[in-house]
Protein backbone atom coordinates (compact mmCIF):
# COMPACT_ATOMS: atom_id res chain seq x y z
CA MET A 1 122.14 90.95 104.75
CA ILE A 2 121.51 90.14 100.69
CA GLY A 3 117.87 89.35 101.75
CA ILE A 4 116.86 92.25 104.17
CA ALA A 5 118.51 94.24 100.35
CA ILE A 6 116.50 92.16 98.50
CA SER A 7 113.42 92.45 100.42
CA ILE A 8 113.81 96.31 100.97
CA PHE A 9 114.57 96.22 96.84
CA ALA A 10 111.00 94.44 96.56
CA LEU A 11 108.99 97.17 98.72
CA LEU A 12 110.40 99.74 96.78
CA LEU A 13 109.18 98.03 93.58
CA SER A 14 105.94 98.30 94.34
CA THR A 15 106.01 102.01 95.40
CA ALA A 16 107.18 102.40 92.29
CA ALA A 17 104.64 100.98 90.98
CA LEU A 18 101.53 102.00 92.86
CA LEU A 19 103.04 105.72 92.52
CA LEU A 20 103.39 105.52 88.57
CA GLY A 21 99.67 105.09 88.64
CA ILE A 22 98.71 107.26 91.39
CA GLY A 23 100.93 109.88 89.86
CA LEU A 24 98.61 109.24 86.14
CA GLN A 25 95.63 109.00 88.19
CA GLY A 26 95.12 112.22 89.61
CA THR A 27 96.37 114.16 86.51
CA LEU A 28 94.12 112.31 84.42
CA LEU A 29 91.28 112.99 86.49
CA GLY A 30 91.84 116.74 86.14
CA LEU A 31 91.95 116.56 82.57
CA ARG A 32 89.11 113.90 82.37
CA ALA A 33 86.70 116.49 84.53
CA GLY A 34 87.18 119.01 82.09
CA VAL A 35 86.43 116.68 78.95
CA GLU A 36 82.95 115.68 80.96
CA ASN A 37 82.31 119.75 81.95
CA TYR A 38 82.01 119.04 84.86
CA SER A 39 81.91 122.75 86.44
CA MET A 40 85.19 124.56 88.72
CA THR A 41 83.58 123.69 91.60
CA MET A 42 82.43 120.55 91.14
CA THR A 43 85.92 119.58 89.91
CA GLY A 44 87.51 121.17 92.90
CA ILE A 45 85.13 119.09 95.14
CA VAL A 46 85.93 115.72 93.10
CA MET A 47 89.77 116.31 93.28
CA SER A 48 89.63 117.67 96.85
CA SER A 49 87.79 114.69 98.56
CA TYR A 50 90.73 112.42 98.05
CA PHE A 51 92.03 113.91 100.84
CA VAL A 52 88.90 113.39 102.52
CA GLY A 53 89.61 109.65 101.72
CA PHE A 54 93.28 110.04 103.13
CA ALA A 55 93.09 112.02 106.37
CA LEU A 56 90.29 108.86 107.06
CA GLY A 57 92.89 106.46 105.89
CA SER A 58 95.75 107.59 108.28
CA TYR A 59 93.21 107.03 111.29
CA TYR A 60 91.37 103.73 110.68
CA CYS A 61 93.83 101.94 107.71
CA PRO A 62 96.67 101.11 111.29
CA ARG A 63 94.01 99.42 112.73
CA ILE A 64 93.14 97.25 110.10
CA ILE A 65 96.09 96.14 109.47
CA ARG A 66 96.65 95.36 113.12
CA ASP A 67 93.34 92.91 112.50
CA PHE A 68 93.95 91.48 109.86
CA GLY A 69 98.03 91.68 108.90
CA HIS A 70 100.08 93.44 106.56
CA ILE A 71 99.81 91.65 103.53
CA ARG A 72 95.80 90.54 103.40
CA ALA A 73 95.14 93.95 104.25
CA TYR A 74 97.67 95.46 101.29
CA ALA A 75 96.05 92.88 99.08
CA ALA A 76 92.59 94.10 99.97
CA MET A 77 93.08 97.88 99.44
CA ALA A 78 95.07 97.09 96.42
CA ALA A 79 92.29 95.28 95.14
CA MET A 80 89.85 98.18 95.93
CA ALA A 81 91.66 100.88 95.26
CA SER A 82 92.62 98.78 91.67
CA ALA A 83 88.76 98.32 90.98
CA ALA A 84 88.61 101.91 91.84
CA ALA A 85 91.06 102.77 88.97
CA ILE A 86 88.60 101.35 86.32
CA SER A 87 85.14 102.21 87.49
CA TYR A 88 86.53 106.43 86.98
CA ALA A 89 85.86 104.98 83.36
CA ILE A 90 82.49 102.96 83.42
CA ASN A 91 80.76 105.83 85.48
CA THR A 92 81.69 109.22 84.60
CA ASP A 93 79.11 111.08 86.96
CA PRO A 94 80.82 113.62 89.46
CA TRP A 95 79.29 111.92 92.40
CA VAL A 96 80.12 108.89 92.02
CA TRP A 97 83.79 109.89 91.34
CA ILE A 98 83.41 111.32 94.49
CA VAL A 99 82.81 108.33 96.03
CA LEU A 100 85.53 106.58 94.28
CA ARG A 101 88.07 109.64 95.08
CA ILE A 102 87.05 108.80 98.91
CA LEU A 103 87.88 105.71 98.75
CA THR A 104 90.81 105.91 96.38
CA GLY A 105 92.61 108.05 99.68
CA PHE A 106 91.14 105.45 101.98
CA CYS A 107 92.95 103.05 100.30
CA ILE A 108 95.94 104.67 98.91
CA VAL A 109 96.82 105.87 102.54
CA GLY A 110 96.60 101.65 103.65
CA LEU A 111 99.32 100.75 100.93
CA TYR A 112 102.02 104.10 102.78
CA VAL A 113 101.48 102.24 105.73
CA VAL A 114 102.16 98.57 104.84
CA ILE A 115 105.49 99.66 102.85
CA GLU A 116 106.73 101.92 105.32
CA SER A 117 106.32 100.10 108.41
CA TRP A 118 107.74 97.14 106.37
CA LEU A 119 110.58 99.56 105.74
CA ASN A 120 110.66 100.47 108.96
CA ALA A 121 111.27 97.00 110.69
CA LEU A 122 113.83 96.14 108.35
CA ALA A 123 116.11 99.16 108.65
CA SER A 124 118.61 98.94 111.71
CA ASN A 125 118.81 102.51 113.22
CA THR A 126 122.51 103.49 111.30
CA MET A 127 120.17 103.01 108.05
CA ARG A 128 117.08 104.18 108.49
CA GLY A 129 117.35 107.55 107.69
CA ARG A 130 118.87 106.35 104.04
CA TYR A 131 116.25 104.32 103.67
CA PHE A 132 113.99 106.62 103.90
CA GLY A 133 115.64 109.29 102.26
CA ILE A 134 115.47 106.54 99.42
CA TYR A 135 111.90 106.10 99.66
CA MET A 136 111.55 109.52 99.49
CA ILE A 137 113.05 109.98 96.05
CA ILE A 138 111.97 107.27 94.47
CA THR A 139 108.34 108.30 95.63
CA LEU A 140 108.77 111.54 93.86
CA LEU A 141 110.21 109.89 90.83
CA ALA A 142 107.66 107.93 90.33
CA MET A 143 104.84 110.73 90.57
CA ALA A 144 106.56 112.58 88.38
CA GLY A 145 107.22 109.78 85.56
CA GLY A 146 103.51 108.57 85.96
CA GLN A 147 102.89 112.16 84.27
CA HIS A 148 104.49 111.02 81.01
CA LEU A 149 102.02 108.33 80.82
CA LEU A 150 99.40 110.39 79.34
CA ARG A 151 101.01 110.02 76.00
CA LEU A 152 100.26 106.08 76.04
CA GLY A 153 96.36 107.77 75.39
CA GLU A 154 93.94 110.20 75.12
CA VAL A 155 92.20 111.68 77.58
CA ALA A 156 88.82 110.53 76.92
CA SER A 157 89.31 107.41 76.34
CA PHE A 158 89.67 104.16 78.60
CA GLU A 159 93.49 102.89 78.06
CA LEU A 160 94.77 105.49 80.21
CA PHE A 161 92.67 104.50 83.27
CA ALA A 162 92.90 101.16 82.32
CA VAL A 163 97.21 101.53 82.88
CA THR A 164 96.52 103.06 86.19
CA THR A 165 94.55 99.88 87.20
CA ILE A 166 97.83 97.74 85.83
CA LEU A 167 100.15 99.34 87.67
CA ILE A 168 98.51 99.40 91.04
CA SER A 169 97.75 95.72 90.05
CA LEU A 170 101.52 95.39 89.87
CA SER A 171 102.50 96.56 93.04
CA LEU A 172 100.41 94.07 94.44
CA ILE A 173 103.15 91.08 93.69
CA PRO A 174 105.95 91.85 95.64
CA VAL A 175 104.01 92.46 98.54
CA VAL A 176 101.95 89.34 98.74
CA LEU A 177 104.81 86.92 97.24
CA THR A 178 107.55 88.23 100.26
CA ARG A 179 108.59 86.19 102.82
CA ILE A 180 109.30 89.17 105.55
CA PRO A 181 107.71 88.79 109.02
CA GLN A 182 105.31 91.14 109.38
CA PRO A 183 105.99 94.14 112.06
CA GLU A 184 103.74 95.57 114.84
CA ILE A 185 102.06 98.53 114.71
CA SER A 186 102.14 100.37 117.46
CA GLU A 187 99.00 102.07 119.22
CA SER A 188 99.87 105.93 118.79
CA LYS A 189 98.95 109.38 120.70
CA HIS A 190 97.74 112.51 119.63
CA PHE A 191 98.46 115.67 119.70
CA HIS A 192 95.43 118.03 120.06
CA LEU A 193 95.66 120.94 117.27
CA LYS A 194 95.19 123.30 119.87
CA GLN A 195 98.41 122.08 122.01
CA LEU A 196 100.53 121.44 118.88
CA TYR A 197 99.75 125.62 118.23
CA ALA A 198 101.04 126.54 121.48
CA ILE A 199 104.49 124.84 120.59
CA SER A 200 104.52 126.21 117.41
CA PRO A 201 102.61 127.97 115.53
CA LEU A 202 104.68 128.49 112.45
CA GLY A 203 104.76 124.63 112.26
CA VAL A 204 100.87 124.29 112.26
CA VAL A 205 100.42 127.39 109.90
CA GLY A 206 103.25 126.48 108.14
CA SER A 207 101.99 122.82 107.67
CA LEU A 208 98.20 124.37 106.60
CA SER A 209 99.87 126.85 104.05
CA ALA A 210 101.61 123.72 102.20
CA GLY A 211 98.63 121.50 102.25
CA LEU A 212 96.60 124.37 100.75
CA VAL A 213 98.67 124.54 97.92
CA THR A 214 100.25 121.27 97.39
CA GLY A 215 97.12 119.68 97.65
CA SER A 216 95.65 122.47 94.94
CA PHE A 217 98.07 121.46 92.34
CA TRP A 218 98.01 117.72 92.38
CA GLY A 219 94.23 118.04 92.25
CA LEU A 220 93.97 120.90 89.87
CA GLY A 221 97.34 121.54 88.60
CA ALA A 222 96.68 119.49 85.41
CA LEU A 223 93.24 121.29 84.74
CA TYR A 224 95.04 124.43 85.05
CA ALA A 225 98.20 123.63 82.55
CA LYS A 226 95.25 122.72 80.16
CA GLN A 227 93.37 125.89 80.58
CA THR A 228 97.59 127.57 80.01
CA GLY A 229 97.10 126.28 76.34
CA LEU A 230 99.05 122.64 76.76
CA ASP A 231 98.30 119.62 75.23
CA GLU A 232 98.63 116.37 77.20
CA THR A 233 102.51 116.29 76.33
CA GLY A 234 102.99 119.50 77.83
CA VAL A 235 100.93 119.09 80.74
CA ALA A 236 102.78 116.34 81.45
CA TRP A 237 106.06 118.00 81.57
CA LEU A 238 104.98 121.20 83.58
CA MET A 239 103.63 118.62 86.37
CA SER A 240 106.73 116.36 86.21
CA ALA A 241 109.10 119.61 86.25
CA ILE A 242 107.04 121.14 89.30
CA ILE A 243 107.55 117.52 91.07
CA LEU A 244 111.14 117.08 90.00
CA GLY A 245 111.91 120.93 91.76
CA GLY A 246 110.19 119.52 94.70
CA ALA A 247 112.48 116.11 94.77
CA THR A 248 115.83 118.16 93.62
CA LEU A 249 115.26 121.43 96.27
CA GLN A 250 114.04 119.55 99.27
CA TRP A 251 117.91 118.29 100.20
CA PRO A 252 119.94 121.94 99.56
CA LEU A 253 117.52 123.72 101.45
CA GLY A 254 116.59 121.71 104.00
CA LEU A 255 120.59 121.52 104.84
CA LEU A 256 120.31 125.60 104.62
CA SER A 257 118.16 125.28 106.88
CA ASP A 258 119.90 123.13 109.44
CA VAL A 259 122.60 126.31 110.08
CA ILE A 260 121.03 128.39 109.98
CA ASP A 261 117.29 129.82 111.71
CA ARG A 262 114.89 127.45 109.79
CA ARG A 263 112.51 130.55 110.14
CA ARG A 264 114.53 132.54 107.74
CA ILE A 265 114.17 129.42 104.73
CA ILE A 266 110.59 129.12 105.47
CA THR A 267 110.89 132.85 104.80
CA LEU A 268 112.36 132.67 101.48
CA CYS A 269 110.94 129.83 100.04
CA SER A 270 107.07 131.47 101.24
CA PHE A 271 108.43 134.94 99.38
CA THR A 272 110.64 133.17 96.52
CA GLY A 273 107.69 130.98 95.63
CA ALA A 274 104.98 133.61 95.86
CA GLY A 275 107.34 135.20 93.24
CA LEU A 276 107.78 132.71 91.04
CA ALA A 277 104.14 131.71 90.76
CA LEU A 278 102.90 135.49 89.77
CA PHE A 279 106.38 135.87 87.41
CA ASN A 280 104.85 132.42 85.95
CA SER A 281 101.82 134.09 85.00
CA MET A 282 102.29 136.39 83.11
CA ILE A 283 105.42 133.90 81.10
CA SER A 284 103.72 133.27 77.54
CA ILE A 285 103.52 129.31 77.12
CA ASP A 286 105.02 129.98 73.68
CA ASN A 287 108.39 130.34 75.99
CA SER A 288 107.76 127.45 77.21
CA TRP A 289 111.64 126.84 78.35
CA LEU A 290 111.85 130.03 80.82
CA PHE A 291 107.97 128.54 81.36
CA TYR A 292 109.28 124.88 82.40
CA LEU A 293 112.25 126.52 84.50
CA VAL A 294 110.23 128.86 86.57
CA SER A 295 107.76 125.83 86.70
CA PHE A 296 110.81 123.66 87.98
CA PHE A 297 112.27 126.37 90.42
CA PHE A 298 108.15 126.97 92.13
CA GLY A 299 107.93 123.04 92.35
CA GLY A 300 111.56 123.21 94.70
CA PHE A 301 110.29 125.71 97.16
CA ILE A 302 106.63 124.57 97.78
CA PHE A 303 106.96 120.61 98.09
CA THR A 304 109.78 121.78 100.79
CA LEU A 305 107.29 124.17 103.02
CA TYR A 306 105.87 121.48 104.46
CA ALA A 307 109.37 119.09 106.01
CA LEU A 308 110.54 122.77 106.75
CA SER A 309 107.23 123.34 108.79
CA VAL A 310 108.07 119.65 110.66
CA ALA A 311 111.59 120.05 111.29
CA HIS A 312 110.60 123.52 112.98
CA ALA A 313 107.67 122.27 114.86
CA ASN A 314 110.64 119.29 115.75
CA ASP A 315 113.01 122.30 117.15
CA ARG A 316 110.50 122.69 119.42
CA ILE A 317 109.42 119.83 121.26
CA ASP A 318 110.17 117.14 123.35
CA PRO A 319 111.55 113.94 121.10
CA ASP A 320 109.47 111.52 123.42
CA HIS A 321 106.23 113.52 121.47
CA SER A 322 107.78 113.83 117.87
CA LEU A 323 105.69 111.48 116.00
CA GLU A 324 102.62 112.29 117.41
CA ALA A 325 102.93 115.80 116.80
CA ALA A 326 104.44 114.72 112.71
CA GLN A 327 101.32 113.37 112.55
CA GLY A 328 99.03 116.60 113.93
CA LEU A 329 101.10 118.35 111.30
CA LEU A 330 100.35 115.71 108.85
CA GLN A 331 96.78 116.06 109.64
CA LEU A 332 96.64 120.18 109.57
CA TYR A 333 98.59 119.13 106.14
CA GLY A 334 95.41 116.62 105.06
CA ILE A 335 92.89 119.39 106.35
CA GLY A 336 94.46 122.34 104.32
CA ALA A 337 94.28 119.87 100.79
CA ILE A 338 90.98 119.21 101.22
CA ILE A 339 90.28 123.03 101.76
CA GLY A 340 93.06 123.76 99.01
CA PRO A 341 91.35 122.08 95.43
CA LEU A 342 87.82 123.92 96.65
CA LEU A 343 89.50 127.99 96.83
CA THR A 344 91.63 127.01 93.72
CA SER A 345 88.67 125.82 91.72
CA GLN A 346 86.87 129.11 92.60
CA ALA A 347 89.83 130.91 91.32
CA LEU A 348 90.38 129.18 88.31
CA GLU A 349 86.36 129.93 87.18
CA TYR A 350 86.83 133.42 88.51
CA PHE A 351 90.10 134.44 86.73
CA GLY A 352 91.39 131.93 84.71
CA PRO A 353 94.36 129.76 84.66
CA LYS A 354 95.98 132.53 86.05
CA GLY A 355 94.01 132.45 89.18
CA MET A 356 95.51 129.38 90.41
CA LEU A 357 99.09 131.33 90.45
CA ILE A 358 97.40 134.35 92.27
CA PHE A 359 96.11 132.20 95.06
CA PHE A 360 98.94 130.15 95.73
CA ALA A 361 101.36 134.23 95.69
CA ILE A 362 98.44 134.71 98.07
CA ILE A 363 98.92 131.77 100.39
CA MET A 364 103.15 131.74 99.95
CA THR A 365 102.70 135.60 101.29
CA ALA A 366 100.95 134.78 103.73
CA LEU A 367 102.45 132.18 105.07
CA GLY A 368 105.81 134.29 105.03
CA MET A 369 104.60 137.60 106.49
CA PHE A 370 103.43 135.11 108.94
CA THR A 371 107.12 133.96 109.76
CA LEU A 372 108.21 137.43 109.82
CA HIS A 373 105.96 137.65 112.73
CA ARG A 374 107.31 134.98 114.45
CA MET A 375 110.62 136.04 114.02
CA HIS A 376 109.82 139.68 115.49
CA TYR A 377 108.38 137.82 118.24
CA LYS A 378 110.48 134.72 119.69
CA THR A 379 114.10 134.19 118.83
CA ALA A 380 115.80 131.68 117.49
CA PRO A 381 116.98 128.48 119.95
CA PRO A 382 120.68 128.09 118.71
CA VAL A 383 121.61 126.22 115.58
CA GLU A 384 123.04 123.63 117.58
CA GLU A 385 120.24 122.21 119.42
CA GLN A 386 117.45 122.33 115.85
CA THR A 387 117.31 118.87 114.88
CA GLU A 388 118.56 117.60 111.02
CA PHE A 389 116.31 118.34 108.67
CA ILE A 390 114.63 115.14 106.74
CA PRO A 391 113.18 115.87 103.05
CA LEU A 392 109.20 114.94 103.34
CA ALA A 393 106.00 113.66 101.32
CA ARG A 394 102.80 113.35 101.73
CA THR A 395 102.35 109.52 102.54
CA SER A 396 101.26 107.69 105.94
CA PRO A 397 102.08 108.69 109.80
CA VAL A 398 104.46 105.56 109.57
CA ALA A 399 107.01 107.43 107.29
CA LEU A 400 107.34 110.07 110.54
CA GLU A 401 108.22 107.41 112.43
CA MET A 402 110.59 106.02 109.95
CA SER A 403 111.79 109.36 109.31
CA SER A 404 113.86 109.59 112.61
CA LEU A 405 113.06 113.12 113.75
CA ASN A 406 114.37 115.33 116.38
CA GLU A 407 117.30 114.44 119.21
CA THR A 408 117.13 117.85 121.06
CA PRO A 409 113.87 118.30 123.24
CA LEU A 410 112.76 122.39 124.06
CA SER A 411 110.85 123.42 126.85
CA SER A 412 107.00 125.25 125.50
CA GLU A 413 108.45 128.37 127.02
CA ASP A 414 110.89 128.64 124.16
CA ASN A 415 108.42 127.70 121.73
CA ASN A 416 107.72 129.94 118.12
């Protein structure tokens, strides 16, 4: 038992180091793109290309890990991600960055798969949910903490890229020195997206919408913050406030969705998030405490949408197919995350920093209206037949297996 606890701690330590580096890198690249005078369109393409790699990695990385083993695959992908992290500073041509972003996204999802499959294998059925919750908390806290590493150097300098490289490299140590037996990664089937939409239209639209909004935040949030007039410290605080809001509010909103019609909470998150986005567009950054406070709650609502959408879909699907459905929803999230930065970059170019918040408000209002339409069109299942809400962040398909969603099936005729 002590050995398992030490092993889990080592894996969580790797996760923290990795995501501190990735949290810093995403924000740093958005700011550096501004320093390098990239156009808004090109910045959107560069930042969204990460999710192209992420989507490709979600499909191919499990095969690579099965063929070469967890430790070798982790070492290879961490080495590539580390090399890419320093290469951004060596060559700032945007087309080079696009290739590096695709490579980074591919490698990072592979690293997620290794860590999450090991955690999944170590956890007993009674402890899996608890380990998963701790893992999700560390994921979001490390991403938030990575924002404040911006203070270690200048955006235009080499140092911050070196910090990212160091952190990704350090994440190797607990993994390559572990004595944990390597778990099996099973082949998984995939739902056709049309089939998934037939089962849960709201789950599909909600996951896509969450990708549009949060993908834009991860890709262009730092650039938006800079355009509002914040310095690097202010950018770090704004980004971390939104991320911490997501970490803090997922649990209470999710628990509330377990005891009432889950669609009501999706509606609440959608319309409230849209209202907060518009409200924040009218707040002067001179009123910083209100600006950060509203951003905190805005983050809580937008980061909960994906988890709520997955939980809603799992309320309506046979438990034997829950993992395949969740993987399909993750794919839809990724599609949204690719498109989101491209659209948001146009909004930023034509409307300035308020354009990003207006874009968020439009997407979330549309989701809220679609949810109301589904509530009118279909009745909700009994609350006691809903699955348990599990907080989720975008990591890898293995995290969906760890979460052990769904307990009670509903027929497709009861879908919503």
